C-alpha atoms as a PDB file:
ATOM      1  CA  MET A   1     -12.411 -38.522  51.854  1.00  0.00           C
ATOM      2  CA  ILE A   2     -14.830 -36.281  53.736  1.00  0.00           C
ATOM      3  CA  GLU A   3     -15.167 -36.550  57.490  1.00  0.00           C
ATOM      4  CA  PHE A   4     -17.708 -35.027  59.885  1.00  0.00           C
ATOM      5  CA  ARG A   5     -16.614 -34.982  63.533  1.00  0.00           C
ATOM      6  CA  ASP A   6     -19.158 -34.051  66.217  1.00  0.00           C
ATOM      7  CA  VAL A   7     -20.825 -31.528  63.897  1.00  0.00           C
ATOM      8  CA  SER A   8     -23.856 -29.552  65.074  1.00  0.00           C
ATOM      9  CA  LYS A   9     -25.926 -26.768  63.561  1.00  0.00           C
ATOM     10  CA  GLN A  10     -28.307 -24.564  65.516  1.00  0.00           C
ATOM     11  CA  TYR A  11     -30.078 -21.655  63.838  1.00  0.00           C
ATOM     12  CA  PRO A  12     -30.703 -18.278  65.519  1.00  0.00           C
ATOM     13  CA  ASP A  13     -34.369 -19.149  66.100  1.00  0.00           C
ATOM     14  CA  GLY A  14     -33.257 -22.090  68.226  1.00  0.00           C
ATOM     15  CA  THR A  15     -33.903 -24.797  65.631  1.00  0.00           C
ATOM     16  CA  SER A  16     -31.401 -27.621  66.017  1.00  0.00           C
ATOM     17  CA  ALA A  17     -30.913 -28.999  62.500  1.00  0.00           C
ATOM     18  CA  VAL A  18     -27.900 -31.213  63.276  1.00  0.00           C
ATOM     19  CA  ARG A  19     -26.716 -32.625  66.590  1.00  0.00           C
ATOM     20  CA  GLY A  20     -23.347 -34.289  67.195  1.00  0.00           C
ATOM     21  CA  PHE A  21     -23.023 -35.798  63.715  1.00  0.00           C
ATOM     22  CA  ASP A  22     -20.128 -38.127  62.844  1.00  0.00           C
ATOM     23  CA  LEU A  23     -19.555 -39.691  59.428  1.00  0.00           C
ATOM     24  CA  VAL A  24     -16.769 -40.726  57.076  1.00  0.00           C
ATOM     25  CA  ILE A  25     -17.564 -40.400  53.376  1.00  0.00           C
ATOM     26  CA  PRO A  26     -15.154 -42.531  51.340  1.00  0.00           C
ATOM     27  CA  ALA A  27     -13.448 -41.204  48.230  1.00  0.00           C
ATOM     28  CA  ARG A  28     -14.553 -42.211  44.729  1.00  0.00           C
ATOM     29  CA  ARG A  29     -17.803 -43.708  45.966  1.00  0.00           C
ATOM     30  CA  THR A  30     -21.404 -42.518  46.137  1.00  0.00           C
ATOM     31  CA  THR A  31     -22.766 -41.815  49.606  1.00  0.00           C
ATOM     32  CA  VAL A  32     -26.500 -41.148  49.807  1.00  0.00           C
ATOM     33  CA  LEU A  33     -28.032 -39.204  52.689  1.00  0.00           C
ATOM     34  CA  VAL A  34     -31.664 -40.229  52.963  1.00  0.00           C
ATOM     35  CA  GLY A  35     -34.378 -39.112  55.352  1.00  0.00           C
ATOM     36  CA  SER A  36     -37.714 -37.379  55.550  1.00  0.00           C
ATOM     37  CA  SER A  37     -38.192 -33.593  55.641  1.00  0.00           C
ATOM     38  CA  GLY A  38     -36.479 -32.080  58.671  1.00  0.00           C
ATOM     39  CA  SER A  39     -33.857 -34.805  58.970  1.00  0.00           C
ATOM     40  CA  GLY A  40     -31.016 -32.359  58.236  1.00  0.00           C
ATOM     41  CA  LYS A  41     -29.742 -34.065  55.092  1.00  0.00           C
ATOM     42  CA  THR A  42     -29.584 -30.913  52.950  1.00  0.00           C
ATOM     43  CA  THR A  43     -27.978 -28.972  55.803  1.00  0.00           C
ATOM     44  CA  LEU A  44     -25.242 -31.612  56.014  1.00  0.00           C
ATOM     45  CA  LEU A  45     -24.701 -31.472  52.256  1.00  0.00           C
ATOM     46  CA  ARG A  46     -24.380 -27.682  52.232  1.00  0.00           C
ATOM     47  CA  MET A  47     -21.915 -27.770  55.090  1.00  0.00           C
ATOM     48  CA  ILE A  48     -19.432 -29.566  52.838  1.00  0.00           C
ATOM     49  CA  ASN A  49     -19.059 -26.556  50.506  1.00  0.00           C
ATOM     50  CA  ARG A  50     -19.692 -24.007  53.286  1.00  0.00           C
ATOM     51  CA  MET A  51     -23.014 -22.777  51.998  1.00  0.00           C
ATOM     52  CA  VAL A  52     -23.920 -23.463  55.633  1.00  0.00           C
ATOM     53  CA  ASP A  53     -21.343 -23.265  58.411  1.00  0.00           C
ATOM     54  CA  PRO A  54     -21.681 -25.569  61.430  1.00  0.00           C
ATOM     55  CA  THR A  55     -22.239 -24.141  64.889  1.00  0.00           C
ATOM     56  CA  SER A  56     -19.659 -26.561  66.264  1.00  0.00           C
ATOM     57  CA  GLY A  57     -17.573 -29.518  65.181  1.00  0.00           C
ATOM     58  CA  ILE A  58     -15.113 -30.109  62.347  1.00  0.00           C
ATOM     59  CA  ILE A  59     -15.497 -31.081  58.705  1.00  0.00           C
ATOM     60  CA  GLU A  60     -12.384 -32.198  56.850  1.00  0.00           C
ATOM     61  CA  ILE A  61     -11.690 -32.965  53.214  1.00  0.00           C
ATOM     62  CA  ASP A  62      -8.643 -35.193  52.770  1.00  0.00           C
ATOM     63  CA  GLY A  63      -7.533 -34.323  56.294  1.00  0.00           C
ATOM     64  CA  GLU A  64      -7.829 -30.529  55.888  1.00  0.00           C
ATOM     65  CA  ASP A  65     -10.310 -28.490  57.916  1.00  0.00           C
ATOM     66  CA  ILE A  66     -12.542 -26.819  55.333  1.00  0.00           C
ATOM     67  CA  THR A  67     -12.635 -23.579  57.331  1.00  0.00           C
ATOM     68  CA  ARG A  68      -8.977 -23.040  56.387  1.00  0.00           C
ATOM     69  CA  ARG A  69     -10.007 -22.443  52.775  1.00  0.00           C
ATOM     70  CA  PRO A  70     -11.851 -19.337  51.534  1.00  0.00           C
ATOM     71  CA  ALA A  71     -15.511 -20.233  51.111  1.00  0.00           C
ATOM     72  CA  VAL A  72     -15.758 -19.057  47.489  1.00  0.00           C
ATOM     73  CA  ALA A  73     -12.642 -20.965  46.420  1.00  0.00           C
ATOM     74  CA  LEU A  74     -13.924 -24.075  48.197  1.00  0.00           C
ATOM     75  CA  ARG A  75     -17.297 -23.888  46.446  1.00  0.00           C
ATOM     76  CA  ARG A  76     -15.709 -23.496  43.029  1.00  0.00           C
ATOM     77  CA  SER A  77     -13.620 -26.616  43.648  1.00  0.00           C
ATOM     78  CA  ILE A  78     -16.699 -28.735  44.435  1.00  0.00           C
ATOM     79  CA  GLY A  79     -19.397 -29.626  41.931  1.00  0.00           C
ATOM     80  CA  TYR A  80     -22.970 -28.850  42.970  1.00  0.00           C
ATOM     81  CA  VAL A  81     -26.197 -30.026  41.354  1.00  0.00           C
ATOM     82  CA  MET A  82     -29.558 -28.916  42.750  1.00  0.00           C
ATOM     83  CA  GLN A  83     -33.147 -30.052  42.270  1.00  0.00           C
ATOM     84  CA  ASN A  84     -34.272 -27.519  39.679  1.00  0.00           C
ATOM     85  CA  SER A  85     -30.917 -27.438  37.871  1.00  0.00           C
ATOM     86  CA  GLY A  86     -30.348 -23.761  38.809  1.00  0.00           C
ATOM     87  CA  LEU A  87     -29.377 -22.861  35.246  1.00  0.00           C
ATOM     88  CA  LEU A  88     -28.906 -19.242  34.221  1.00  0.00           C
ATOM     89  CA  PRO A  89     -31.978 -18.595  32.025  1.00  0.00           C
ATOM     90  CA  HIS A  90     -30.402 -16.095  29.614  1.00  0.00           C
ATOM     91  CA  VAL A  91     -27.217 -18.108  29.035  1.00  0.00           C
ATOM     92  CA  THR A  92     -26.796 -20.897  26.473  1.00  0.00           C
ATOM     93  CA  VAL A  93     -26.311 -24.523  27.458  1.00  0.00           C
ATOM     94  CA  GLU A  94     -22.590 -24.517  26.681  1.00  0.00           C
ATOM     95  CA  ASP A  95     -22.010 -21.295  28.616  1.00  0.00           C
ATOM     96  CA  ASN A  96     -24.033 -22.561  31.571  1.00  0.00           C
ATOM     97  CA  ILE A  97     -21.759 -25.599  31.716  1.00  0.00           C
ATOM     98  CA  ALA A  98     -18.663 -23.432  31.266  1.00  0.00           C
ATOM     99  CA  THR A  99     -19.572 -21.011  34.086  1.00  0.00           C
ATOM    100  CA  VAL A 100     -17.234 -22.256  36.828  1.00  0.00           C
ATOM    101  CA  PRO A 101     -14.177 -22.909  34.608  1.00  0.00           C
ATOM    102  CA  VAL A 102     -14.477 -19.365  33.212  1.00  0.00           C
ATOM    103  CA  LEU A 103     -14.689 -17.976  36.755  1.00  0.00           C
ATOM    104  CA  GLN A 104     -11.530 -19.926  37.535  1.00  0.00           C
ATOM    105  CA  GLY A 105      -9.697 -18.267  34.651  1.00  0.00           C
ATOM    106  CA  VAL A 106     -10.046 -20.862  31.903  1.00  0.00           C
ATOM    107  CA  PRO A 107     -10.271 -19.161  28.469  1.00  0.00           C
ATOM    108  CA  ARG A 108     -13.873 -19.135  27.263  1.00  0.00           C
ATOM    109  CA  ARG A 109     -13.083 -21.055  24.078  1.00  0.00           C
ATOM    110  CA  GLU A 110     -11.407 -23.836  26.032  1.00  0.00           C
ATOM    111  CA  ALA A 111     -14.237 -23.881  28.574  1.00  0.00           C
ATOM    112  CA  ARG A 112     -16.805 -24.208  25.785  1.00  0.00           C
ATOM    113  CA  ARG A 113     -14.841 -27.067  24.215  1.00  0.00           C
ATOM    114  CA  ARG A 114     -14.856 -28.853  27.552  1.00  0.00           C
ATOM    115  CA  ALA A 115     -18.586 -28.114  27.904  1.00  0.00           C
ATOM    116  CA  ARG A 116     -19.321 -29.883  24.632  1.00  0.00           C
ATOM    117  CA  GLU A 117     -17.295 -32.903  25.742  1.00  0.00           C
ATOM    118  CA  LEU A 118     -19.343 -33.038  28.922  1.00  0.00           C
ATOM    119  CA  MET A 119     -22.556 -32.867  26.926  1.00  0.00           C
ATOM    120  CA  ASP A 120     -21.497 -36.189  25.411  1.00  0.00           C
ATOM    121  CA  THR A 121     -20.715 -37.530  28.877  1.00  0.00           C
ATOM    122  CA  VAL A 122     -24.199 -36.756  30.232  1.00  0.00           C
ATOM    123  CA  GLY A 123     -26.015 -37.889  27.095  1.00  0.00           C
ATOM    124  CA  LEU A 124     -26.902 -34.554  25.488  1.00  0.00           C
ATOM    125  CA  ASP A 125     -26.599 -33.949  21.744  1.00  0.00           C
ATOM    126  CA  GLN A 126     -24.081 -31.220  20.985  1.00  0.00           C
ATOM    127  CA  HIS A 127     -26.539 -29.493  18.679  1.00  0.00           C
ATOM    128  CA  MET A 128     -28.238 -28.298  21.892  1.00  0.00           C
ATOM    129  CA  ALA A 129     -25.149 -26.311  22.909  1.00  0.00           C
ATOM    130  CA  ARG A 130     -26.566 -22.987  21.665  1.00  0.00           C
ATOM    131  CA  ARG A 131     -30.023 -23.498  23.100  1.00  0.00           C
ATOM    132  CA  TYR A 132     -31.324 -21.788  26.226  1.00  0.00           C
ATOM    133  CA  PRO A 133     -32.696 -23.599  29.295  1.00  0.00           C
ATOM    134  CA  SER A 134     -36.303 -22.707  28.406  1.00  0.00           C
ATOM    135  CA  GLN A 135     -35.868 -24.648  25.167  1.00  0.00           C
ATOM    136  CA  LEU A 136     -35.015 -27.868  27.010  1.00  0.00           C
ATOM    137  CA  SER A 137     -37.135 -30.466  28.750  1.00  0.00           C
ATOM    138  CA  GLY A 138     -36.822 -30.921  32.515  1.00  0.00           C
ATOM    139  CA  GLY A 139     -34.672 -33.992  32.058  1.00  0.00           C
ATOM    140  CA  GLN A 140     -32.381 -32.208  29.621  1.00  0.00           C
ATOM    141  CA  GLN A 141     -32.002 -29.302  32.039  1.00  0.00           C
ATOM    142  CA  GLN A 142     -30.953 -31.714  34.786  1.00  0.00           C
ATOM    143  CA  ARG A 143     -28.355 -33.245  32.473  1.00  0.00           C
ATOM    144  CA  VAL A 144     -26.972 -29.762  31.861  1.00  0.00           C
ATOM    145  CA  GLY A 145     -26.881 -29.269  35.633  1.00  0.00           C
ATOM    146  CA  VAL A 146     -24.866 -32.466  36.076  1.00  0.00           C
ATOM    147  CA  ALA A 147     -22.488 -31.426  33.282  1.00  0.00           C
ATOM    148  CA  ARG A 148     -22.006 -28.027  34.931  1.00  0.00           C
ATOM    149  CA  GLY A 149     -21.249 -29.752  38.234  1.00  0.00           C
ATOM    150  CA  LEU A 150     -18.516 -31.761  36.497  1.00  0.00           C
ATOM    151  CA  ALA A 151     -17.131 -28.906  34.393  1.00  0.00           C
ATOM    152  CA  ALA A 152     -14.232 -27.929  36.669  1.00  0.00           C
ATOM    153  CA  ASP A 153     -13.315 -31.626  37.094  1.00  0.00           C
ATOM    154  CA  PRO A 154     -13.946 -31.568  40.856  1.00  0.00           C
ATOM    155  CA  ASN A 155     -13.046 -34.454  43.107  1.00  0.00           C
ATOM    156  CA  ILE A 156     -16.354 -33.997  44.955  1.00  0.00           C
ATOM    157  CA  LEU A 157     -19.838 -33.695  43.480  1.00  0.00           C
ATOM    158  CA  LEU A 158     -22.755 -32.682  45.725  1.00  0.00           C
ATOM    159  CA  MET A 159     -26.250 -33.539  44.477  1.00  0.00           C
ATOM    160  CA  ASP A 160     -29.268 -32.136  46.340  1.00  0.00           C
ATOM    161  CA  GLU A 161     -32.354 -34.116  45.257  1.00  0.00           C
ATOM    162  CA  PRO A 162     -31.361 -33.508  41.619  1.00  0.00           C
ATOM    163  CA  PHE A 163     -34.035 -35.747  40.101  1.00  0.00           C
ATOM    164  CA  GLY A 164     -36.921 -34.855  42.391  1.00  0.00           C
ATOM    165  CA  ALA A 165     -38.667 -32.464  39.992  1.00  0.00           C
ATOM    166  CA  VAL A 166     -38.902 -34.709  36.922  1.00  0.00           C
ATOM    167  CA  ASP A 167     -41.449 -37.388  36.055  1.00  0.00           C
ATOM    168  CA  PRO A 168     -40.799 -41.022  37.058  1.00  0.00           C
ATOM    169  CA  ILE A 169     -39.739 -42.184  33.579  1.00  0.00           C
ATOM    170  CA  VAL A 170     -37.189 -39.389  33.175  1.00  0.00           C
ATOM    171  CA  ARG A 171     -36.052 -39.900  36.761  1.00  0.00           C
ATOM    172  CA  ASP A 172     -35.333 -43.571  36.082  1.00  0.00           C
ATOM    173  CA  GLU A 173     -33.347 -42.603  33.001  1.00  0.00           C
ATOM    174  CA  LEU A 174     -31.320 -39.982  34.881  1.00  0.00           C
ATOM    175  CA  GLN A 175     -30.570 -42.423  37.692  1.00  0.00           C
ATOM    176  CA  ARG A 176     -29.204 -44.952  35.215  1.00  0.00           C
ATOM    177  CA  GLU A 177     -27.171 -42.224  33.539  1.00  0.00           C
ATOM    178  CA  LEU A 178     -25.661 -41.201  36.869  1.00  0.00           C
ATOM    179  CA  LEU A 179     -24.595 -44.787  37.545  1.00  0.00           C
ATOM    180  CA  ARG A 180     -22.943 -44.897  34.125  1.00  0.00           C
ATOM    181  CA  ILE A 181     -21.223 -41.549  34.603  1.00  0.00           C
ATOM    182  CA  GLN A 182     -19.903 -42.541  38.028  1.00  0.00           C
ATOM    183  CA  ARG A 183     -18.394 -45.710  36.569  1.00  0.00           C
ATOM    184  CA  GLU A 184     -16.536 -43.500  34.087  1.00  0.00           C
ATOM    185  CA  VAL A 185     -15.440 -40.553  36.251  1.00  0.00           C
ATOM    186  CA  GLU A 186     -15.244 -42.057  39.799  1.00  0.00           C
ATOM    187  CA  LYS A 187     -16.006 -38.920  41.786  1.00  0.00           C
ATOM    188  CA  THR A 188     -16.764 -38.655  45.484  1.00  0.00           C
ATOM    189  CA  ILE A 189     -20.515 -38.118  45.218  1.00  0.00           C
ATOM    190  CA  VAL A 190     -22.712 -37.031  48.119  1.00  0.00           C
ATOM    191  CA  PHE A 191     -26.340 -37.421  47.079  1.00  0.00           C
ATOM    192  CA  VAL A 192     -29.402 -36.257  49.049  1.00  0.00           C
ATOM    193  CA  THR A 193     -32.837 -37.811  48.598  1.00  0.00           C
ATOM    194  CA  HIS A 194     -35.994 -38.634  50.526  1.00  0.00           C
ATOM    195  CA  ASP A 195     -36.579 -41.708  48.348  1.00  0.00           C
ATOM    196  CA  ILE A 196     -35.187 -44.919  49.853  1.00  0.00           C
ATOM    197  CA  ASP A 197     -35.449 -46.774  46.535  1.00  0.00           C
ATOM    198  CA  GLU A 198     -33.302 -44.115  44.879  1.00  0.00           C
ATOM    199  CA  ALA A 199     -30.854 -44.308  47.776  1.00  0.00           C
ATOM    200  CA  PHE A 200     -30.521 -48.086  47.471  1.00  0.00           C
ATOM    201  CA  LEU A 201     -30.109 -47.873  43.702  1.00  0.00           C
ATOM    202  CA  LEU A 202     -27.402 -45.202  43.671  1.00  0.00           C
ATOM    203  CA  GLY A 203     -25.553 -45.534  46.965  1.00  0.00           C
ATOM    204  CA  ASP A 204     -22.393 -47.466  47.699  1.00  0.00           C
ATOM    205  CA  GLN A 205     -22.946 -46.187  51.231  1.00  0.00           C
ATOM    206  CA  VAL A 206     -26.449 -45.276  52.404  1.00  0.00           C
ATOM    207  CA  VAL A 207     -26.900 -43.083  55.488  1.00  0.00           C
ATOM    208  CA  ILE A 208     -30.402 -43.095  56.981  1.00  0.00           C
ATOM    209  CA  LEU A 209     -31.168 -40.026  59.091  1.00  0.00           C
ATOM    210  CA  SER A 210     -33.867 -39.268  61.615  1.00  0.00           C
ATOM    211  CA  THR A 211     -34.819 -35.803  62.917  1.00  0.00           C
ATOM    212  CA  GLY A 212     -31.842 -33.591  63.773  1.00  0.00           C
ATOM    213  CA  ALA A 213     -29.523 -35.565  61.506  1.00  0.00           C
ATOM    214  CA  GLN A 214     -29.377 -38.397  63.994  1.00  0.00           C
ATOM    215  CA  LEU A 215     -27.678 -41.314  62.296  1.00  0.00           C
ATOM    216  CA  ALA A 216     -30.157 -44.180  62.343  1.00  0.00           C
ATOM    217  CA  GLN A 217     -28.008 -46.531  60.263  1.00  0.00           C
ATOM    218  CA  ARG A 218     -25.298 -46.508  57.628  1.00  0.00           C
ATOM    219  CA  GLY A 219     -24.075 -49.291  55.410  1.00  0.00           C
ATOM    220  CA  THR A 220     -24.433 -50.787  51.979  1.00  0.00           C
ATOM    221  CA  PRO A 221     -27.965 -51.310  50.669  1.00  0.00           C
ATOM    222  CA  ASP A 222     -27.595 -55.057  51.255  1.00  0.00           C
ATOM    223  CA  GLU A 223     -26.425 -54.563  54.854  1.00  0.00           C
ATOM    224  CA  ILE A 224     -29.356 -52.302  55.676  1.00  0.00           C
ATOM    225  CA  MET A 225     -31.946 -54.486  53.973  1.00  0.00           C
ATOM    226  CA  GLU A 226     -30.636 -57.662  55.584  1.00  0.00           C
ATOM    227  CA  ALA A 227     -30.237 -56.246  59.101  1.00  0.00           C
ATOM    228  CA  PRO A 228     -32.178 -53.028  59.866  1.00  0.00           C
ATOM    229  CA  ALA A 229     -30.667 -51.455  62.988  1.00  0.00           C
ATOM    230  CA  SER A 230     -33.991 -50.460  64.564  1.00  0.00           C
ATOM    231  CA  GLU A 231     -37.750 -50.404  64.181  1.00  0.00           C
ATOM    232  CA  PHE A 232     -37.394 -46.890  62.767  1.00  0.00           C
ATOM    233  CA  VAL A 233     -35.092 -48.120  59.995  1.00  0.00           C
ATOM    234  CA  SER A 234     -37.244 -51.155  59.288  1.00  0.00           C
ATOM    235  CA  SER A 235     -40.295 -48.914  58.940  1.00  0.00           C
ATOM    236  CA  PHE A 236     -38.460 -46.314  56.873  1.00  0.00           C
ATOM    237  CA  ILE A 237     -37.207 -48.822  54.305  1.00  0.00           C
ATOM    238  CA  GLY A 238     -40.529 -50.656  54.250  1.00  0.00           C
ATOM    239  CA  ALA A 239     -38.937 -53.999  55.027  1.00  0.00           C
ATOM    240  CA  GLU A 240     -42.210 -55.597  56.050  1.00  0.00           C
ATOM    241  CA  ARG A 241     -44.648 -54.036  53.609  1.00  0.00           C
ATOM    242  CA  GLY A 242     -45.275 -53.197  49.990  1.00  0.00           C
ATOM    243  CA  LYS A 243     -42.837 -54.304  47.360  1.00  0.00           C
ATOM    244  CA  ARG A 244     -40.114 -55.264  49.857  1.00  0.00           C
ATOM    245  CA  ALA A 245     -42.220 -57.829  51.723  1.00  0.00           C
ATOM    246  CA  LEU A 246     -41.844 -60.587  49.160  1.00  0.00           C
ATOM    247  CA  HIS A 247     -42.993 -64.175  49.113  1.00  0.00           C
ATOM    248  CA  LEU A 248     -43.102 -66.986  46.586  1.00  0.00           C
ATOM    249  CA  LYS A 249     -46.183 -68.170  44.767  1.00  0.00           C
ATOM    250  CA  GLU A 250     -46.496 -71.302  42.713  1.00  0.00           C
ATOM    251  CA  THR A 251     -48.271 -70.953  39.367  1.00  0.00           C
ATOM    252  CA  PRO A 252     -48.912 -73.424  36.535  1.00  0.00           C
ATOM    253  CA  ARG A 253     -45.944 -71.893  34.706  1.00  0.00           C
ATOM    254  CA  GLY A 254     -43.547 -71.888  37.650  1.00  0.00           C
ATOM    255  CA  THR A 255     -42.624 -69.917  40.769  1.00  0.00           C
ATOM    256  CA  VAL A 256     -43.134 -66.151  40.848  1.00  0.00           C
ATOM    257  CA  VAL A 257     -42.245 -63.489  43.427  1.00  0.00           C
ATOM    258  CA  VAL A 258     -45.193 -61.592  44.897  1.00  0.00           C
ATOM    259  CA  ASP A 259     -45.236 -58.468  47.084  1.00  0.00           C
ATOM    260  CA  ALA A 260     -47.342 -57.793  50.175  1.00  0.00           C
ATOM    261  CA  LEU A 261     -50.182 -56.410  48.049  1.00  0.00           C
ATOM    262  CA  GLY A 262     -50.360 -59.589  46.003  1.00  0.00           C
ATOM    263  CA  ARG A 263     -48.750 -58.073  42.916  1.00  0.00           C
ATOM    264  CA  THR A 264     -46.395 -60.275  40.916  1.00  0.00           C
ATOM    265  CA  GLN A 265     -42.960 -58.689  40.765  1.00  0.00           C
ATOM    266  CA  GLY A 266     -41.137 -61.229  38.655  1.00  0.00           C
ATOM    267  CA  GLU A 267     -40.277 -64.827  37.987  1.00  0.00           C
ATOM    268  CA  LEU A 268     -37.993 -66.859  40.225  1.00  0.00           C
ATOM    269  CA  VAL A 269     -35.087 -67.976  38.062  1.00  0.00           C
ATOM    270  CA  ARG A 270     -33.151 -71.024  39.184  1.00  0.00           C
ATOM    271  CA  PRO A 271     -29.358 -70.757  38.977  1.00  0.00           C
ATOM    272  CA  GLU A 272     -27.752 -72.636  36.143  1.00  0.00           C
ATOM    273  CA  GLY A 273     -25.406 -75.504  36.877  1.00  0.00           C
ATOM    274  CA  PRO A 274     -24.953 -77.511  40.080  1.00  0.00           C
ATOM    275  CA  VAL A 275     -25.716 -75.828  43.395  1.00  0.00           C
ATOM    276  CA  ALA A 276     -22.918 -76.104  45.960  1.00  0.00           C
END
């Protein structure tokens, strides 16, 4: 479990990125921080592994103040996946994945064996192990980034808009892969995105942020969709427009669901069996 207690971050130029932030992130679940640019979501993420230190407040992991651990040791114990994969360009796929275990003292041969196992986990063919990042597609590079984040078997995996730089088809595929991987490995995942649809798809807990990391609402996707806490949240999730503002339309072939722009989104399927 990760807990933020009255956490604030003010930069030397006076910019207040986070103000009085409180949040509990449950273990073995995916929590998504979602908000527009300037909402402080990436700052919050990077506070967890001390890439950014708060100006005030406390962050605990399993009840321990993270400032009691050396920053480098903390970072190596937490998986981190960034938007552009951050792979070392002159290092092979298997050695990119093996980077953190080797730094932690794992023999290189053992680390490479584990890297190849993780390639299977993230859906990469092992014949790519000796390739270099430039020889991979964007989606393949992101899979390597996820495998590298998992390589040291961390309890926590931080993901900073990891699928934001790939095309929509690849993004959809990577999202589905992440859901599959999480079912298998059950990590505590903290995922940052500006895309509310991605947040609702991936998050067990979704945290909607406004400017300065002000917590607008948190809850499951269903809780937020069914009861937006404010006009800001309702507008942010698009509850009354586009593909979320749905209504029914009768056609000669049956009832279909139509969005606010008049586009058919699907067929209304009646439940089988008697209705209680």
